């Protein structure tokens, strides 16, 4: 295999791994959102009514940028995930979402 072909093969392989990682990450997020107990633990953390796990801490760190800067420092995947999460909260936990907005 020539060096040029090897380079393109490697480039395609890296792109495929990146895409599959994003798909896996989105599937993991979707699974978490279907777990009511998990979602309620995160809401409790974010609203300062309970302990935080690493995911809750990450959400707290990112919320100001998401809410006030339209996720300005996010990459495209993070921005899409934030939009999906906001939509999920608005549809399924509107009162909790209003409280979160008032805090952050």
N, C-alpha and C. Protein backbone atom coordinates (compact mmCIF):
# COMPACT_ATOMS: atom_id res chain seq x y z
N UNK A 1 0.85 -1.17 0.00
CA UNK A 1 0.00 0.00 0.00
C UNK A 1 0.90 1.23 0.00
N UNK A 2 0.62 2.16 -0.88
CA UNK A 2 1.45 3.36 -0.95
C UNK A 2 1.23 4.24 0.28
N UNK A 3 2.15 5.15 0.48
CA UNK A 3 2.04 6.06 1.62
C UNK A 3 0.79 6.91 1.51
N UNK A 4 0.48 7.35 0.29
CA UNK A 4 -0.71 8.19 0.08
C UNK A 4 -1.98 7.40 0.41
N UNK A 5 -2.07 6.15 -0.04
CA UNK A 5 -3.24 5.32 0.26
C UNK A 5 -3.33 5.04 1.76
N UNK A 6 -2.19 4.79 2.39
CA UNK A 6 -2.18 4.55 3.83
C UNK A 6 -2.70 5.77 4.59
N UNK A 7 -2.29 6.94 4.14
CA UNK A 7 -2.71 8.18 4.78
C UNK A 7 -4.23 8.33 4.68
N UNK A 8 -4.79 8.14 3.48
CA UNK A 8 -6.24 8.28 3.30
C UNK A 8 -7.00 7.21 4.07
N UNK A 9 -6.48 6.00 4.10
CA UNK A 9 -7.12 4.93 4.87
C UNK A 9 -7.16 5.31 6.35
N UNK A 10 -6.06 5.80 6.87
CA UNK A 10 -5.99 6.21 8.27
C UNK A 10 -6.96 7.37 8.54
N UNK A 11 -7.03 8.31 7.63
CA UNK A 11 -7.93 9.45 7.78
C UNK A 11 -9.39 8.99 7.82
N UNK A 12 -9.77 8.09 6.93
CA UNK A 12 -11.13 7.55 6.91
C UNK A 12 -11.41 6.77 8.18
N UNK A 13 -10.45 5.99 8.63
CA UNK A 13 -10.61 5.22 9.86
C UNK A 13 -10.83 6.13 11.06
N UNK A 14 -10.06 7.19 11.17
CA UNK A 14 -10.22 8.15 12.27
C UNK A 14 -11.60 8.79 12.21
N UNK A 15 -12.05 9.16 11.02
CA UNK A 15 -13.37 9.77 10.87
C UNK A 15 -14.47 8.80 11.29
N UNK A 16 -14.35 7.54 10.91
CA UNK A 16 -15.36 6.54 11.29
C UNK A 16 -15.39 6.32 12.80
N UNK A 17 -14.23 6.28 13.43
CA UNK A 17 -14.18 6.11 14.88
C UNK A 17 -14.82 7.31 15.57
N UNK A 18 -14.53 8.51 15.08
CA UNK A 18 -15.13 9.71 15.68
C UNK A 18 -16.64 9.69 15.55
N UNK A 19 -17.14 9.31 14.38
CA UNK A 19 -18.59 9.25 14.18
C UNK A 19 -19.23 8.20 15.06
N UNK A 20 -18.62 7.03 15.16
CA UNK A 20 -19.21 5.98 15.99
C UNK A 20 -19.16 6.36 17.46
N UNK A 21 -18.13 7.08 17.89
CA UNK A 21 -18.04 7.53 19.27
C UNK A 21 -19.15 8.51 19.58
N UNK A 22 -19.45 9.40 18.65
CA UNK A 22 -20.53 10.36 18.86
C UNK A 22 -21.87 9.66 18.91
N UNK A 23 -22.06 8.69 18.03
CA UNK A 23 -23.32 7.93 18.04
C UNK A 23 -23.45 7.18 19.35
N UNK A 24 -22.37 6.58 19.82
CA UNK A 24 -22.39 5.87 21.09
C UNK A 24 -22.68 6.82 22.24
N UNK A 25 -22.07 7.99 22.20
CA UNK A 25 -22.30 8.98 23.25
C UNK A 25 -23.75 9.43 23.25
N UNK A 26 -24.31 9.67 22.07
CA UNK A 26 -25.71 10.09 22.00
C UNK A 26 -26.63 8.98 22.49
N UNK A 27 -26.33 7.74 22.15
CA UNK A 27 -27.13 6.62 22.65
C UNK A 27 -27.06 6.54 24.17
N UNK A 28 -25.89 6.79 24.73
CA UNK A 28 -25.74 6.76 26.19
C UNK A 28 -26.56 7.87 26.83
N UNK A 29 -26.54 9.05 26.23
CA UNK A 29 -27.33 10.18 26.74
C UNK A 29 -28.81 9.84 26.69
N UNK A 30 -29.26 9.30 25.56
CA UNK A 30 -30.67 8.93 25.42
C UNK A 30 -31.07 7.90 26.48
N UNK A 31 -30.22 6.93 26.73
CA UNK A 31 -30.50 5.91 27.75
C UNK A 31 -30.61 6.53 29.13
N UNK A 32 -29.72 7.46 29.43
CA UNK A 32 -29.76 8.12 30.73
C UNK A 32 -31.06 8.91 30.91
N UNK A 33 -31.49 9.59 29.85
CA UNK A 33 -32.70 10.39 29.94
C UNK A 33 -33.95 9.54 30.10
N UNK A 34 -33.88 8.29 29.72
CA UNK A 34 -35.01 7.38 29.90
C UNK A 34 -35.06 6.80 31.31
N UNK A 35 -34.02 7.02 32.08
CA UNK A 35 -33.94 6.52 33.45
C UNK A 35 -34.41 7.63 34.39
N UNK A 36 -35.68 7.55 34.80
CA UNK A 36 -36.30 8.60 35.61
C UNK A 36 -35.52 8.88 36.90
N UNK A 37 -35.08 7.83 37.58
CA UNK A 37 -34.33 8.01 38.83
C UNK A 37 -33.03 8.78 38.58
N UNK A 38 -32.35 8.45 37.49
CA UNK A 38 -31.11 9.15 37.14
C UNK A 38 -31.39 10.63 36.89
N UNK A 39 -32.41 10.91 36.08
CA UNK A 39 -32.75 12.30 35.74
C UNK A 39 -33.09 13.07 37.02
N UNK A 40 -33.88 12.47 37.89
CA UNK A 40 -34.28 13.16 39.11
C UNK A 40 -33.09 13.40 40.05
N UNK A 41 -32.11 12.49 40.07
CA UNK A 41 -30.89 12.73 40.85
C UNK A 41 -30.12 13.93 40.30
N UNK A 42 -30.05 14.02 38.96
CA UNK A 42 -29.33 15.13 38.36
C UNK A 42 -30.05 16.45 38.64
N UNK A 43 -31.38 16.43 38.54
CA UNK A 43 -32.16 17.64 38.83
C UNK A 43 -31.93 18.06 40.28
N UNK A 44 -31.95 17.11 41.19
CA UNK A 44 -31.71 17.40 42.60
C UNK A 44 -30.34 18.04 42.80
N UNK A 45 -29.35 17.53 42.13
CA UNK A 45 -28.00 18.09 42.20
C UNK A 45 -27.98 19.51 41.64
N UNK A 46 -28.51 19.67 40.45
CA UNK A 46 -28.44 20.95 39.74
C UNK A 46 -29.21 22.04 40.47
N UNK A 47 -30.29 21.66 41.14
CA UNK A 47 -31.09 22.64 41.89
C UNK A 47 -30.61 22.77 43.34
N UNK A 48 -29.48 22.18 43.64
CA UNK A 48 -28.83 22.27 44.94
C UNK A 48 -29.66 21.65 46.07
N UNK A 49 -30.39 20.60 45.73
CA UNK A 49 -31.20 19.91 46.72
C UNK A 49 -30.68 18.51 47.03
N UNK A 50 -29.53 18.17 46.50
CA UNK A 50 -28.99 16.84 46.74
C UNK A 50 -27.55 16.75 46.31
N UNK A 51 -26.92 15.62 46.57
CA UNK A 51 -25.52 15.44 46.20
C UNK A 51 -25.35 15.34 44.69
N UNK A 52 -24.14 15.64 44.25
CA UNK A 52 -23.82 15.62 42.82
C UNK A 52 -22.83 14.51 42.50
N UNK A 53 -23.09 13.81 41.41
CA UNK A 53 -22.13 12.87 40.87
C UNK A 53 -21.33 13.61 39.80
N UNK A 54 -20.35 12.98 39.18
CA UNK A 54 -19.55 13.68 38.17
C UNK A 54 -20.38 14.26 37.01
N UNK A 55 -21.45 13.60 36.62
CA UNK A 55 -22.27 14.12 35.53
C UNK A 55 -22.98 15.39 35.98
N UNK A 56 -23.53 15.38 37.18
CA UNK A 56 -24.18 16.58 37.70
C UNK A 56 -23.21 17.75 37.80
N UNK A 57 -21.99 17.47 38.26
CA UNK A 57 -20.97 18.52 38.36
C UNK A 57 -20.62 19.08 36.99
N UNK A 58 -20.55 18.21 36.00
CA UNK A 58 -20.27 18.67 34.64
C UNK A 58 -21.40 19.55 34.13
N UNK A 59 -22.63 19.14 34.35
CA UNK A 59 -23.77 19.93 33.90
C UNK A 59 -23.74 21.31 34.57
N UNK A 60 -23.49 21.35 35.87
CA UNK A 60 -23.43 22.62 36.59
C UNK A 60 -22.35 23.52 36.00
N UNK A 61 -21.20 22.95 35.68
CA UNK A 61 -20.10 23.73 35.09
C UNK A 61 -20.47 24.30 33.73
N UNK A 62 -21.24 23.53 32.94
CA UNK A 62 -21.54 23.93 31.56
C UNK A 62 -22.80 24.80 31.43
N UNK A 63 -23.70 24.74 32.41
CA UNK A 63 -24.98 25.43 32.28
C UNK A 63 -24.87 26.92 31.98
N UNK A 64 -24.03 27.69 32.66
CA UNK A 64 -23.98 29.12 32.34
C UNK A 64 -23.66 29.39 30.87
N UNK A 65 -22.72 28.67 30.30
CA UNK A 65 -22.38 28.85 28.89
C UNK A 65 -23.54 28.45 28.00
N UNK A 66 -24.18 27.34 28.33
CA UNK A 66 -25.31 26.85 27.53
C UNK A 66 -26.45 27.86 27.56
N UNK A 67 -26.78 28.37 28.73
CA UNK A 67 -27.94 29.25 28.88
C UNK A 67 -27.69 30.69 28.46
N UNK A 68 -26.49 31.20 28.70
CA UNK A 68 -26.24 32.62 28.46
C UNK A 68 -25.44 32.93 27.21
N UNK A 69 -24.74 31.95 26.68
CA UNK A 69 -23.91 32.17 25.49
C UNK A 69 -24.28 31.25 24.35
N UNK A 70 -25.47 30.66 24.41
CA UNK A 70 -25.92 29.74 23.37
C UNK A 70 -24.88 28.64 23.13
N UNK A 71 -24.29 28.18 24.21
CA UNK A 71 -23.29 27.10 24.15
C UNK A 71 -22.12 27.51 23.25
N UNK A 72 -21.69 28.75 23.41
CA UNK A 72 -20.67 29.32 22.55
C UNK A 72 -19.34 28.59 22.55
N UNK A 73 -18.96 27.98 23.66
CA UNK A 73 -17.68 27.26 23.69
C UNK A 73 -17.84 25.77 23.40
N UNK A 74 -19.05 25.37 23.02
CA UNK A 74 -19.32 23.95 22.74
C UNK A 74 -18.91 23.57 21.32
N UNK A 75 -18.51 22.32 21.16
CA UNK A 75 -18.32 21.81 19.80
C UNK A 75 -19.70 21.44 19.26
N UNK A 76 -19.82 21.14 17.98
CA UNK A 76 -21.15 20.85 17.41
C UNK A 76 -21.89 19.72 18.11
N UNK A 77 -21.20 18.67 18.52
CA UNK A 77 -21.86 17.56 19.21
C UNK A 77 -22.40 18.02 20.56
N UNK A 78 -21.59 18.76 21.32
CA UNK A 78 -22.03 19.25 22.63
C UNK A 78 -23.22 20.19 22.49
N UNK A 79 -23.18 21.03 21.46
CA UNK A 79 -24.28 21.96 21.24
C UNK A 79 -25.57 21.20 20.95
N UNK A 80 -25.50 20.19 20.11
CA UNK A 80 -26.69 19.39 19.80
C UNK A 80 -27.19 18.66 21.04
N UNK A 81 -26.27 18.11 21.83
CA UNK A 81 -26.65 17.41 23.06
C UNK A 81 -27.32 18.38 24.03
N UNK A 82 -26.80 19.60 24.14
CA UNK A 82 -27.40 20.61 25.03
C UNK A 82 -28.81 20.97 24.56
N UNK A 83 -28.98 21.15 23.25
CA UNK A 83 -30.30 21.47 22.71
C UNK A 83 -31.29 20.34 22.99
N UNK A 84 -30.84 19.10 22.82
CA UNK A 84 -31.70 17.94 23.10
C UNK A 84 -32.08 17.88 24.58
N UNK A 85 -31.11 18.15 25.45
CA UNK A 85 -31.37 18.11 26.88
C UNK A 85 -32.36 19.21 27.29
N UNK A 86 -32.18 20.40 26.75
CA UNK A 86 -33.11 21.50 27.06
C UNK A 86 -34.52 21.15 26.61
N UNK A 87 -34.64 20.64 25.41
CA UNK A 87 -35.96 20.24 24.89
C UNK A 87 -36.58 19.16 25.78
N UNK A 88 -35.78 18.19 26.19
CA UNK A 88 -36.25 17.13 27.07
C UNK A 88 -36.77 17.71 28.38
N UNK A 89 -36.01 18.61 28.97
CA UNK A 89 -36.41 19.20 30.25
C UNK A 89 -37.68 20.03 30.10
N UNK A 90 -37.76 20.82 29.04
CA UNK A 90 -38.95 21.65 28.82
C UNK A 90 -40.20 20.79 28.66
N UNK A 91 -40.08 19.68 27.98
CA UNK A 91 -41.23 18.82 27.72
C UNK A 91 -41.60 17.93 28.91
N UNK A 92 -40.62 17.44 29.63
CA UNK A 92 -40.86 16.44 30.67
C UNK A 92 -40.79 16.96 32.10
N UNK A 93 -40.05 18.03 32.31
CA UNK A 93 -39.87 18.58 33.65
C UNK A 93 -39.94 20.12 33.59
N UNK A 94 -41.06 20.67 33.12
CA UNK A 94 -41.11 22.13 32.92
C UNK A 94 -40.92 22.94 34.20
N UNK A 95 -41.47 22.51 35.32
CA UNK A 95 -41.30 23.25 36.57
C UNK A 95 -39.85 23.22 37.04
N UNK A 96 -39.25 22.06 36.94
CA UNK A 96 -37.85 21.93 37.33
C UNK A 96 -36.95 22.74 36.40
N UNK A 97 -37.30 22.75 35.12
CA UNK A 97 -36.52 23.53 34.15
C UNK A 97 -36.61 25.02 34.48
N UNK A 98 -37.80 25.49 34.84
CA UNK A 98 -37.95 26.90 35.22
C UNK A 98 -37.09 27.22 36.44
N UNK A 99 -37.05 26.32 37.39
CA UNK A 99 -36.22 26.53 38.59
C UNK A 99 -34.73 26.55 38.22
N UNK A 100 -34.31 25.65 37.37
CA UNK A 100 -32.91 25.62 36.93
C UNK A 100 -32.56 26.92 36.23
N UNK A 101 -33.44 27.40 35.36
CA UNK A 101 -33.18 28.67 34.65
C UNK A 101 -33.04 29.82 35.65
N UNK A 102 -33.86 29.80 36.70
CA UNK A 102 -33.80 30.89 37.68
C UNK A 102 -32.50 30.85 38.49
N UNK A 103 -31.94 29.67 38.67
CA UNK A 103 -30.70 29.53 39.43
C UNK A 103 -29.49 29.95 38.60
N UNK A 104 -29.49 29.56 37.33
CA UNK A 104 -28.30 29.79 36.50
C UNK A 104 -28.50 30.91 35.51
